[in-house]
Structures are given as C-alpha cells and as structure tokens.
Amino acid sequence: MTTAIPGDADQVSEAPFFFPVSVPKLVTLSVVTFGIYQLFWFYANWALERDRRRFEEISPFWRMFFSLFYCYSMFRLVRDAARARGFPAAYSAGLLAAAYITLTYVCVKLPGPWFFICLAGSLPLVPVQRAANAVNAAERPLAATNARFTALNWLVVVLGGLCVALAVLGSFEPA
C-alpha cells in the first residue's frame, strides 16, 4: 500500500487560487492579441472562482463577455483575498476598473493613431495580477506559475507583433 507524500505529483497539479501568469507575459500577450488575452484572463479567473466556491450560477463566459461590468468585482475579489493573507494590495479596485474600462472600451473609439492607446488596456491588470500571484504562492505553492512563454505563445507574439507593427505603421499613412 502506498501513501501520498506531500509534494507528490498529485499535489503539483493542484489548481491555483487565481489565474497564474507572469506580469510580462500578461502584458505582452494582451498587446499582441489586441486585448483578446485580457478576456481570456477574465474567463480563467472567473472559472477558478466558480470552481473554488462551487457557484453554479457564475458563468465565466458571460462574466468575460461583460468584463466591462464585472472587472470591478474581479479586481476587488483579488485585492480582498490578498489583504486577507497579509499582502499589501494597496490598489483601488474602483480606480483600476475605471482605467480598464477607459483604456479598453473608450479609447478604441479614438480616431487615427490615438486608437492605439487602447493597447495599454492590460496595465490596470498589472497590480491585480501581482496580488493574484502572491495569493497563489501562499495558497497553492505547488501550482504552476505560468511564467514561461510556450511555443504557441511565441508564435502569437511573432504574428501578433507583426500585426500590431503593421497596424501602427498603417495608421500614419496618409488617406
């Protein structure tokens, strides 16, 4: 009869508390995907929240789709979890939500090259992700950290980076 020893492979695969991703990876993938990775970030965090608390009524898809309305709730959820564990999550969920909404949903309507300000939409997620990573390290130390770029990530960075570069260059072309 074998018994599980702390640190066995079954514990290495334990689910993180919040979606784990390094800040550079979050920002890079958000920029080169024109914000699509940010939506994935919301989906992944709400899915973990639903599974952790067993809230059947939470739909990660709809909370991602309507991140405009649910970003504040996620930012506050992460901040409160970090503070409860003694981590200095000193950000204002309301101010970050306002910045996220402005950069993601308002700046996209700007004319010409000003439109590209919306690529900074991932910046309000940075303090939230730092707090989420701190909570993950405390609560699920054996869970994966998702800090390394995979081959697929690099493919997205190269192709998406080319699209972003071409879009920026094209926006300065006279009409």
N, C-alpha and C. Protein backbone atom coordinates (compact mmCIF):
# COMPACT_ATOMS: atom_id res chain seq x y z
N MET A 1 0.85 -1.18 0.00
CA MET A 1 0.00 0.00 0.00
C MET A 1 0.89 1.24 0.00
N THR A 2 0.62 2.14 -0.93
CA THR A 2 1.40 3.36 -1.00
C THR A 2 0.57 4.52 -0.47
N THR A 3 1.23 5.43 0.16
CA THR A 3 0.55 6.60 0.68
C THR A 3 1.10 7.82 -0.02
N ALA A 4 0.26 8.82 -0.14
CA ALA A 4 0.68 10.06 -0.79
C ALA A 4 1.61 10.83 0.13
N ILE A 5 2.70 11.26 -0.42
CA ILE A 5 3.67 12.04 0.33
C ILE A 5 3.52 13.49 -0.11
N PRO A 6 3.53 14.43 0.84
CA PRO A 6 3.44 15.83 0.43
C PRO A 6 4.50 16.16 -0.61
N GLY A 7 4.06 16.79 -1.66
CA GLY A 7 4.97 17.12 -2.74
C GLY A 7 4.91 16.13 -3.90
N ASP A 8 4.06 15.10 -3.77
CA ASP A 8 3.89 14.15 -4.87
C ASP A 8 3.30 14.83 -6.09
N ALA A 9 3.30 14.13 -7.19
CA ALA A 9 2.80 14.67 -8.45
C ALA A 9 1.33 15.09 -8.36
N ASP A 10 0.54 14.40 -7.52
CA ASP A 10 -0.87 14.77 -7.44
C ASP A 10 -1.03 16.16 -6.82
N GLN A 11 -0.12 16.57 -5.97
CA GLN A 11 -0.21 17.90 -5.39
C GLN A 11 0.38 18.95 -6.32
N VAL A 12 1.30 18.57 -7.18
CA VAL A 12 1.88 19.51 -8.12
C VAL A 12 0.83 20.03 -9.07
N SER A 13 -0.18 19.20 -9.36
CA SER A 13 -1.21 19.59 -10.31
C SER A 13 -2.37 20.32 -9.65
N GLU A 14 -2.23 20.71 -8.37
CA GLU A 14 -3.35 21.38 -7.72
C GLU A 14 -3.67 22.69 -8.42
N ALA A 15 -4.93 23.02 -8.43
CA ALA A 15 -5.40 24.21 -9.14
C ALA A 15 -4.96 25.47 -8.40
N PRO A 16 -4.58 26.49 -9.13
CA PRO A 16 -4.22 27.76 -8.49
C PRO A 16 -5.46 28.45 -7.93
N PHE A 17 -5.25 29.39 -7.04
CA PHE A 17 -6.35 30.13 -6.44
C PHE A 17 -6.92 31.11 -7.47
N PHE A 18 -6.04 31.85 -8.12
CA PHE A 18 -6.41 32.74 -9.22
C PHE A 18 -5.59 32.35 -10.44
N PHE A 19 -5.96 32.86 -11.60
CA PHE A 19 -5.25 32.53 -12.83
C PHE A 19 -3.80 32.99 -12.71
N PRO A 20 -2.86 32.05 -12.81
CA PRO A 20 -1.46 32.42 -12.68
C PRO A 20 -0.86 32.80 -14.03
N VAL A 21 -0.20 33.93 -14.07
CA VAL A 21 0.53 34.35 -15.25
C VAL A 21 1.51 35.42 -14.80
N SER A 22 2.70 35.41 -15.38
CA SER A 22 3.65 36.46 -15.02
C SER A 22 3.18 37.77 -15.63
N VAL A 23 3.56 38.87 -15.00
CA VAL A 23 3.15 40.19 -15.49
C VAL A 23 3.68 40.46 -16.90
N PRO A 24 4.96 40.17 -17.19
CA PRO A 24 5.42 40.40 -18.57
C PRO A 24 4.64 39.59 -19.61
N LYS A 25 4.30 38.35 -19.27
CA LYS A 25 3.54 37.52 -20.20
C LYS A 25 2.13 38.08 -20.39
N LEU A 26 1.51 38.52 -19.31
CA LEU A 26 0.16 39.10 -19.39
C LEU A 26 0.15 40.33 -20.30
N VAL A 27 1.08 41.24 -20.07
CA VAL A 27 1.11 42.48 -20.85
C VAL A 27 1.45 42.19 -22.31
N THR A 28 2.46 41.37 -22.54
CA THR A 28 2.89 41.07 -23.91
C THR A 28 1.77 40.42 -24.70
N LEU A 29 1.17 39.37 -24.15
CA LEU A 29 0.10 38.67 -24.89
C LEU A 29 -1.14 39.55 -25.05
N SER A 30 -1.40 40.42 -24.10
CA SER A 30 -2.54 41.33 -24.24
C SER A 30 -2.33 42.31 -25.38
N VAL A 31 -1.11 42.84 -25.49
CA VAL A 31 -0.82 43.81 -26.55
C VAL A 31 -0.86 43.16 -27.92
N VAL A 32 -0.19 42.02 -28.07
CA VAL A 32 -0.10 41.42 -29.42
C VAL A 32 -1.39 40.75 -29.86
N THR A 33 -2.33 40.54 -28.94
CA THR A 33 -3.63 39.98 -29.34
C THR A 33 -4.71 41.07 -29.35
N PHE A 34 -4.29 42.31 -29.27
CA PHE A 34 -5.24 43.44 -29.25
C PHE A 34 -6.28 43.28 -28.15
N GLY A 35 -5.88 42.78 -27.00
CA GLY A 35 -6.75 42.67 -25.83
C GLY A 35 -7.51 41.38 -25.68
N ILE A 36 -7.38 40.47 -26.62
CA ILE A 36 -8.11 39.20 -26.51
C ILE A 36 -7.61 38.39 -25.32
N TYR A 37 -6.30 38.46 -25.04
CA TYR A 37 -5.76 37.72 -23.90
C TYR A 37 -6.34 38.24 -22.59
N GLN A 38 -6.65 39.53 -22.52
CA GLN A 38 -7.29 40.08 -21.32
C GLN A 38 -8.63 39.40 -21.08
N LEU A 39 -9.38 39.17 -22.15
CA LEU A 39 -10.66 38.48 -22.00
C LEU A 39 -10.46 37.05 -21.50
N PHE A 40 -9.43 36.38 -22.03
CA PHE A 40 -9.10 35.04 -21.54
C PHE A 40 -8.74 35.10 -20.06
N TRP A 41 -8.02 36.14 -19.66
CA TRP A 41 -7.62 36.32 -18.26
C TRP A 41 -8.87 36.39 -17.37
N PHE A 42 -9.87 37.17 -17.77
CA PHE A 42 -11.11 37.26 -17.02
C PHE A 42 -11.82 35.91 -16.98
N TYR A 43 -11.90 35.26 -18.13
CA TYR A 43 -12.56 33.95 -18.18
C TYR A 43 -11.91 32.97 -17.21
N ALA A 44 -10.59 32.88 -17.27
CA ALA A 44 -9.86 31.93 -16.43
C ALA A 44 -10.04 32.23 -14.95
N ASN A 45 -10.01 33.50 -14.59
CA ASN A 45 -10.20 33.86 -13.18
C ASN A 45 -11.61 33.55 -12.69
N TRP A 46 -12.61 33.85 -13.51
CA TRP A 46 -13.98 33.56 -13.09
C TRP A 46 -14.23 32.05 -13.05
N ALA A 47 -13.62 31.30 -13.94
CA ALA A 47 -13.77 29.84 -13.91
C ALA A 47 -13.18 29.27 -12.62
N LEU A 48 -12.02 29.76 -12.22
CA LEU A 48 -11.42 29.30 -10.97
C LEU A 48 -12.27 29.70 -9.76
N GLU A 49 -12.82 30.90 -9.81
CA GLU A 49 -13.69 31.36 -8.71
C GLU A 49 -14.93 30.48 -8.62
N ARG A 50 -15.53 30.18 -9.76
CA ARG A 50 -16.72 29.32 -9.76
C ARG A 50 -16.39 27.94 -9.19
N ASP A 51 -15.28 27.37 -9.62
CA ASP A 51 -14.90 26.03 -9.17
C ASP A 51 -14.52 26.01 -7.69
N ARG A 52 -13.83 27.05 -7.25
CA ARG A 52 -13.37 27.10 -5.86
C ARG A 52 -14.54 27.25 -4.90
N ARG A 53 -15.47 28.11 -5.24
CA ARG A 53 -16.61 28.37 -4.35
C ARG A 53 -17.84 27.55 -4.69
N ARG A 54 -17.74 26.79 -5.76
CA ARG A 54 -18.85 25.96 -6.22
C ARG A 54 -20.11 26.79 -6.47
N PHE A 55 -19.91 27.95 -7.12
CA PHE A 55 -21.03 28.80 -7.50
C PHE A 55 -21.51 28.37 -8.87
N GLU A 56 -22.54 27.58 -8.91
CA GLU A 56 -23.06 27.11 -10.19
C GLU A 56 -23.58 28.26 -11.05
N GLU A 57 -24.05 29.33 -10.40
CA GLU A 57 -24.65 30.42 -11.16
C GLU A 57 -23.62 31.33 -11.81
N ILE A 58 -22.34 31.19 -11.47
CA ILE A 58 -21.32 32.01 -12.13
C ILE A 58 -21.04 31.41 -13.51
N SER A 59 -21.20 32.24 -14.52
CA SER A 59 -20.86 31.83 -15.88
C SER A 59 -19.60 32.58 -16.29
N PRO A 60 -18.45 31.90 -16.31
CA PRO A 60 -17.21 32.58 -16.69
C PRO A 60 -17.29 33.23 -18.07
N PHE A 61 -18.01 32.59 -19.00
CA PHE A 61 -18.11 33.15 -20.33
C PHE A 61 -18.80 34.51 -20.31
N TRP A 62 -19.94 34.59 -19.63
CA TRP A 62 -20.69 35.84 -19.62
C TRP A 62 -19.99 36.90 -18.79
N ARG A 63 -19.29 36.49 -17.75
CA ARG A 63 -18.53 37.47 -16.96
C ARG A 63 -17.33 37.98 -17.76
N MET A 64 -16.78 37.16 -18.62
CA MET A 64 -15.73 37.60 -19.52
C MET A 64 -16.31 38.50 -20.60
N PHE A 65 -17.41 38.08 -21.18
CA PHE A 65 -18.05 38.83 -22.25
C PHE A 65 -18.47 40.22 -21.78
N PHE A 66 -18.95 40.30 -20.55
CA PHE A 66 -19.36 41.57 -19.97
C PHE A 66 -18.33 42.05 -18.94
N SER A 67 -17.05 41.90 -19.27
CA SER A 67 -16.00 42.31 -18.35
C SER A 67 -16.10 43.80 -18.02
N LEU A 68 -16.72 44.55 -18.89
CA LEU A 68 -16.99 45.96 -18.64
C LEU A 68 -17.71 46.13 -17.30
N PHE A 69 -18.63 45.23 -17.01
CA PHE A 69 -19.42 45.32 -15.79
C PHE A 69 -18.85 44.50 -14.63
N TYR A 70 -18.07 43.48 -14.94
CA TYR A 70 -17.57 42.57 -13.91
C TYR A 70 -16.11 42.79 -13.54
N CYS A 71 -15.42 43.72 -14.20
CA CYS A 71 -14.00 43.93 -13.89
C CYS A 71 -13.82 44.40 -12.44
N TYR A 72 -14.67 45.30 -12.00
CA TYR A 72 -14.55 45.79 -10.62
C TYR A 72 -14.68 44.65 -9.62
N SER A 73 -15.63 43.75 -9.84
CA SER A 73 -15.82 42.62 -8.93
C SER A 73 -14.58 41.74 -8.86
N MET A 74 -13.97 41.48 -10.01
CA MET A 74 -12.77 40.65 -10.02
C MET A 74 -11.60 41.36 -9.35
N PHE A 75 -11.43 42.64 -9.64
CA PHE A 75 -10.33 43.39 -9.04
C PHE A 75 -10.48 43.43 -7.52
N ARG A 76 -11.70 43.64 -7.05
CA ARG A 76 -11.97 43.68 -5.61
C ARG A 76 -11.77 42.30 -4.98
N LEU A 77 -12.21 41.27 -5.67
CA LEU A 77 -12.06 39.90 -5.17
C LEU A 77 -10.59 39.55 -4.94
N VAL A 78 -9.75 39.87 -5.91
CA VAL A 78 -8.32 39.58 -5.78
C VAL A 78 -7.70 40.43 -4.68
N ARG A 79 -8.02 41.73 -4.67
CA ARG A 79 -7.47 42.62 -3.64
C ARG A 79 -7.84 42.14 -2.24
N ASP A 80 -9.09 41.79 -2.03
CA ASP A 80 -9.54 41.36 -0.71
C ASP A 80 -8.89 40.04 -0.30
N ALA A 81 -8.71 39.14 -1.25
CA ALA A 81 -8.04 37.87 -0.95
C ALA A 81 -6.58 38.11 -0.56
N ALA A 82 -5.92 39.03 -1.25
CA ALA A 82 -4.52 39.34 -0.92
C ALA A 82 -4.41 40.00 0.44
N ARG A 83 -5.28 40.96 0.70
CA ARG A 83 -5.24 41.65 2.00
C ARG A 83 -5.54 40.70 3.15
N ALA A 84 -6.46 39.76 2.94
CA ALA A 84 -6.81 38.80 3.99
C ALA A 84 -5.61 37.91 4.35
N ARG A 85 -4.66 37.79 3.43
CA ARG A 85 -3.47 36.97 3.67
C ARG A 85 -2.26 37.82 4.04
N GLY A 86 -2.50 39.11 4.24
CA GLY A 86 -1.43 39.99 4.69
C GLY A 86 -0.55 40.57 3.60
N PHE A 87 -0.98 40.48 2.35
CA PHE A 87 -0.20 41.04 1.26
C PHE A 87 -0.64 42.48 1.01
N PRO A 88 0.30 43.35 0.69
CA PRO A 88 -0.03 44.77 0.52
C PRO A 88 -0.65 45.08 -0.85
N ALA A 89 -1.89 44.72 -1.03
CA ALA A 89 -2.60 45.04 -2.27
C ALA A 89 -3.25 46.40 -2.06
N ALA A 90 -2.49 47.45 -2.33
CA ALA A 90 -2.92 48.80 -1.99
C ALA A 90 -3.65 49.50 -3.13
N TYR A 91 -4.08 48.77 -4.11
CA TYR A 91 -4.75 49.42 -5.24
C TYR A 91 -6.24 49.63 -4.95
N SER A 92 -6.79 50.60 -5.65
CA SER A 92 -8.22 50.86 -5.57
C SER A 92 -8.90 50.09 -6.70
N ALA A 93 -9.78 49.18 -6.35
CA ALA A 93 -10.48 48.39 -7.37
C ALA A 93 -11.32 49.30 -8.26
N GLY A 94 -11.89 50.34 -7.70
CA GLY A 94 -12.71 51.27 -8.47
C GLY A 94 -11.89 52.06 -9.48
N LEU A 95 -10.73 52.56 -9.06
CA LEU A 95 -9.88 53.33 -9.98
C LEU A 95 -9.31 52.44 -11.08
N LEU A 96 -8.91 51.22 -10.71
CA LEU A 96 -8.41 50.30 -11.74
C LEU A 96 -9.52 49.90 -12.71
N ALA A 97 -10.72 49.71 -12.21
CA ALA A 97 -11.84 49.38 -13.10
C ALA A 97 -12.12 50.54 -14.04
N ALA A 98 -12.08 51.76 -13.53
CA ALA A 98 -12.30 52.94 -14.38
C ALA A 98 -11.20 53.04 -15.44
N ALA A 99 -9.96 52.78 -15.04
CA ALA A 99 -8.85 52.82 -16.01
C ALA A 99 -8.99 51.72 -17.04
N TYR A 100 -9.36 50.52 -16.60
CA TYR A 100 -9.54 49.40 -17.52
C TYR A 100 -10.66 49.71 -18.53
N ILE A 101 -11.77 50.18 -18.04
CA ILE A 101 -12.91 50.48 -18.91
C ILE A 101 -12.54 51.59 -19.91
N THR A 102 -11.87 52.62 -19.42
CA THR A 102 -11.46 53.72 -20.30
C THR A 102 -10.49 53.25 -21.37
N LEU A 103 -9.46 52.52 -20.95
CA LEU A 103 -8.44 52.08 -21.91
C LEU A 103 -8.95 51.01 -22.88
N THR A 104 -9.86 50.19 -22.41
CA THR A 104 -10.31 49.07 -23.24
C THR A 104 -11.54 49.39 -24.07
N TYR A 105 -12.48 50.10 -23.50
CA TYR A 105 -13.75 50.30 -24.19
C TYR A 105 -13.97 51.72 -24.72
N VAL A 106 -13.29 52.69 -24.15
CA VAL A 106 -13.49 54.07 -24.61
C VAL A 106 -12.43 54.45 -25.64
N CYS A 107 -11.17 54.14 -25.35
CA CYS A 107 -10.09 54.55 -26.25
C CYS A 107 -10.16 53.87 -27.62
N VAL A 108 -10.85 52.78 -27.72
CA VAL A 108 -10.99 52.09 -29.00
C VAL A 108 -11.76 52.96 -30.00
N LYS A 109 -12.49 53.93 -29.50
CA LYS A 109 -13.28 54.82 -30.36
C LYS A 109 -12.49 56.04 -30.82
N LEU A 110 -11.26 56.19 -30.35
CA LEU A 110 -10.46 57.35 -30.72
C LEU A 110 -10.06 57.27 -32.19
N PRO A 111 -9.91 58.42 -32.84
CA PRO A 111 -9.56 58.42 -34.27
C PRO A 111 -8.06 58.19 -34.50
N GLY A 112 -7.78 57.72 -35.71
CA GLY A 112 -6.41 57.59 -36.20
C GLY A 112 -5.48 56.86 -35.26
N PRO A 113 -4.26 57.34 -35.15
CA PRO A 113 -3.29 56.62 -34.33
C PRO A 113 -3.58 56.69 -32.83
N TRP A 114 -4.47 57.58 -32.40
CA TRP A 114 -4.83 57.64 -30.99
C TRP A 114 -5.52 56.37 -30.52
N PHE A 115 -6.07 55.65 -31.46
CA PHE A 115 -6.72 54.37 -31.17
C PHE A 115 -5.79 53.42 -30.41
N PHE A 116 -4.49 53.51 -30.68
CA PHE A 116 -3.55 52.55 -30.10
C PHE A 116 -3.32 52.73 -28.61
N ILE A 117 -3.89 53.78 -28.04
CA ILE A 117 -3.85 53.91 -26.59
C ILE A 117 -4.57 52.72 -25.94
N CYS A 118 -5.53 52.17 -26.65
CA CYS A 118 -6.29 51.03 -26.10
C CYS A 118 -5.39 49.80 -25.87
N LEU A 119 -4.22 49.77 -26.50
CA LEU A 119 -3.30 48.64 -26.27
C LEU A 119 -2.75 48.65 -24.84
N ALA A 120 -2.90 49.76 -24.15
CA ALA A 120 -2.47 49.85 -22.76
C ALA A 120 -3.54 49.32 -21.80
N GLY A 121 -4.57 48.69 -22.33
CA GLY A 121 -5.67 48.17 -21.52
C GLY A 121 -5.26 47.12 -20.51
N SER A 122 -4.11 46.50 -20.71
CA SER A 122 -3.66 45.49 -19.76
C SER A 122 -2.97 46.10 -18.54
N LEU A 123 -2.59 47.36 -18.61
CA LEU A 123 -1.86 47.98 -17.50
C LEU A 123 -2.66 47.99 -16.19
N PRO A 124 -3.97 48.24 -16.20
CA PRO A 124 -4.72 48.15 -14.94
C PRO A 124 -4.75 46.73 -14.35
N LEU A 125 -4.47 45.73 -15.17
CA LEU A 125 -4.46 44.36 -14.66
C LEU A 125 -3.16 44.02 -13.92
N VAL A 126 -2.12 44.82 -14.09
CA VAL A 126 -0.81 44.51 -13.51
C VAL A 126 -0.85 44.43 -11.98
N PRO A 127 -1.36 45.44 -11.25
CA PRO A 127 -1.39 45.28 -9.79
C PRO A 127 -2.31 44.15 -9.34
N VAL A 128 -3.35 43.91 -10.10
CA VAL A 128 -4.27 42.82 -9.76
C VAL A 128 -3.56 41.48 -9.92
N GLN A 129 -2.81 41.33 -11.01
CA GLN A 129 -2.11 40.07 -11.24
C GLN A 129 -0.99 39.87 -10.22
N ARG A 130 -0.32 40.94 -9.83
CA ARG A 130 0.71 40.80 -8.78
C ARG A 130 0.09 40.29 -7.49
N ALA A 131 -1.07 40.83 -7.13
CA ALA A 131 -1.76 40.37 -5.92
C ALA A 131 -2.22 38.92 -6.09
N ALA A 132 -2.73 38.59 -7.27
CA ALA A 132 -3.18 37.21 -7.53
C ALA A 132 -2.01 36.23 -7.44
N ASN A 133 -0.87 36.61 -7.97
CA ASN A 133 0.31 35.74 -7.89
C ASN A 133 0.78 35.56 -6.45
N ALA A 134 0.67 36.60 -5.64
CA ALA A 134 1.04 36.49 -4.23
C ALA A 134 0.10 35.53 -3.50
N VAL A 135 -1.19 35.64 -3.79
CA VAL A 135 -2.17 34.73 -3.17
C VAL A 135 -1.90 33.30 -3.63
N ASN A 136 -1.64 33.11 -4.92
CA ASN A 136 -1.34 31.77 -5.43
C ASN A 136 -0.12 31.18 -4.74
N ALA A 137 0.92 31.98 -4.57
CA ALA A 137 2.15 31.49 -3.93
C ALA A 137 1.89 31.06 -2.49
N ALA A 138 0.99 31.78 -1.80
CA ALA A 138 0.68 31.44 -0.42
C ALA A 138 -0.28 30.27 -0.31
N GLU A 139 -1.31 30.26 -1.13
CA GLU A 139 -2.37 29.25 -1.02
C GLU A 139 -2.09 27.96 -1.79
N ARG A 140 -1.46 28.08 -2.93
CA ARG A 140 -1.20 26.92 -3.79
C ARG A 140 0.26 26.95 -4.24
N PRO A 141 1.19 26.76 -3.33
CA PRO A 141 2.61 26.89 -3.68
C PRO A 141 3.09 25.87 -4.71
N LEU A 142 2.39 24.77 -4.86
CA LEU A 142 2.82 23.75 -5.82
C LEU A 142 2.16 23.89 -7.19
N ALA A 143 1.25 24.82 -7.32
CA ALA A 143 0.57 25.02 -8.60
C ALA A 143 1.51 25.67 -9.61
N ALA A 144 1.24 25.43 -10.87
CA ALA A 144 2.05 26.01 -11.94
C ALA A 144 1.96 27.53 -11.89
N THR A 145 3.07 28.21 -12.28
CA THR A 145 3.10 29.67 -12.22
C THR A 145 2.82 30.31 -13.57
N ASN A 146 2.92 29.59 -14.66
CA ASN A 146 2.62 30.10 -15.99
C ASN A 146 3.46 31.34 -16.32
N ALA A 147 4.74 31.25 -16.01
CA ALA A 147 5.62 32.39 -16.24
C ALA A 147 6.37 32.28 -17.57
N ARG A 148 6.54 31.09 -18.06
CA ARG A 148 7.32 30.90 -19.29
C ARG A 148 6.43 30.99 -20.52
N PHE A 149 7.01 31.51 -21.58
CA PHE A 149 6.32 31.56 -22.87
C PHE A 149 6.46 30.20 -23.54
N THR A 150 5.34 29.63 -23.95
CA THR A 150 5.35 28.36 -24.66
C THR A 150 5.61 28.63 -26.14
N ALA A 151 5.77 27.57 -26.90
CA ALA A 151 5.97 27.72 -28.35
C ALA A 151 4.76 28.41 -28.98
N LEU A 152 3.57 28.06 -28.54
CA LEU A 152 2.37 28.71 -29.06
C LEU A 152 2.35 30.20 -28.68
N ASN A 153 2.76 30.51 -27.45
CA ASN A 153 2.85 31.91 -27.05
C ASN A 153 3.80 32.68 -27.95
N TRP A 154 4.95 32.10 -28.25
CA TRP A 154 5.93 32.77 -29.12
C TRP A 154 5.37 32.97 -30.52
N LEU A 155 4.64 31.99 -31.01
CA LEU A 155 4.01 32.13 -32.33
C LEU A 155 3.03 33.31 -32.32
N VAL A 156 2.22 33.40 -31.27
CA VAL A 156 1.28 34.51 -31.13
C VAL A 156 2.02 35.84 -31.01
N VAL A 157 3.12 35.85 -30.26
CA VAL A 157 3.90 37.09 -30.11
C VAL A 157 4.45 37.55 -31.45
N VAL A 158 5.00 36.62 -32.22
CA VAL A 158 5.59 36.99 -33.51
C VAL A 158 4.50 37.46 -34.49
N LEU A 159 3.47 36.65 -34.66
CA LEU A 159 2.42 37.01 -35.61
C LEU A 159 1.63 38.23 -35.14
N GLY A 160 1.27 38.25 -33.88
CA GLY A 160 0.53 39.39 -33.34
C GLY A 160 1.38 40.65 -33.32
N GLY A 161 2.66 40.51 -33.01
CA GLY A 161 3.56 41.65 -33.03
C GLY A 161 3.67 42.26 -34.42
N LEU A 162 3.73 41.39 -35.43
CA LEU A 162 3.75 41.89 -36.80
C LEU A 162 2.46 42.63 -37.15
N CYS A 163 1.34 42.09 -36.73
CA CYS A 163 0.06 42.77 -36.98
C CYS A 163 -0.01 44.11 -36.28
N VAL A 164 0.44 44.17 -35.03
CA VAL A 164 0.44 45.43 -34.30
C VAL A 164 1.36 46.43 -34.99
N ALA A 165 2.56 45.99 -35.37
CA ALA A 165 3.51 46.89 -36.04
C ALA A 165 2.94 47.40 -37.36
N LEU A 166 2.34 46.51 -38.14
CA LEU A 166 1.75 46.93 -39.40
C LEU A 166 0.57 47.88 -39.19
N ALA A 167 -0.22 47.61 -38.18
CA ALA A 167 -1.36 48.48 -37.88
C ALA A 167 -0.88 49.88 -37.45
N VAL A 168 0.16 49.92 -36.64
CA VAL A 168 0.69 51.21 -36.21
C VAL A 168 1.26 51.97 -37.41
N LEU A 169 2.06 51.29 -38.22
CA LEU A 169 2.62 51.95 -39.39
C LEU A 169 1.53 52.39 -40.37
N GLY A 170 0.54 51.57 -40.57
CA GLY A 170 -0.54 51.89 -41.48
C GLY A 170 -1.40 53.05 -41.00
N SER A 171 -1.47 53.25 -39.71
CA SER A 171 -2.30 54.34 -39.19
C SER A 171 -1.68 55.71 -39.47
N PHE A 172 -0.39 55.76 -39.74
CA PHE A 172 0.27 57.02 -40.04
C PHE A 172 0.32 57.32 -41.54
N GLU A 173 -0.15 56.40 -42.33
CA GLU A 173 -0.17 56.56 -43.80
C GLU A 173 -1.26 57.56 -44.16
N PRO A 174 -0.94 58.53 -45.02
CA PRO A 174 -1.99 59.49 -45.40
C PRO A 174 -3.13 58.82 -46.16
N ALA A 175 -4.32 59.34 -45.97
CA ALA A 175 -5.51 58.73 -46.57
C ALA A 175 -5.62 58.95 -48.04
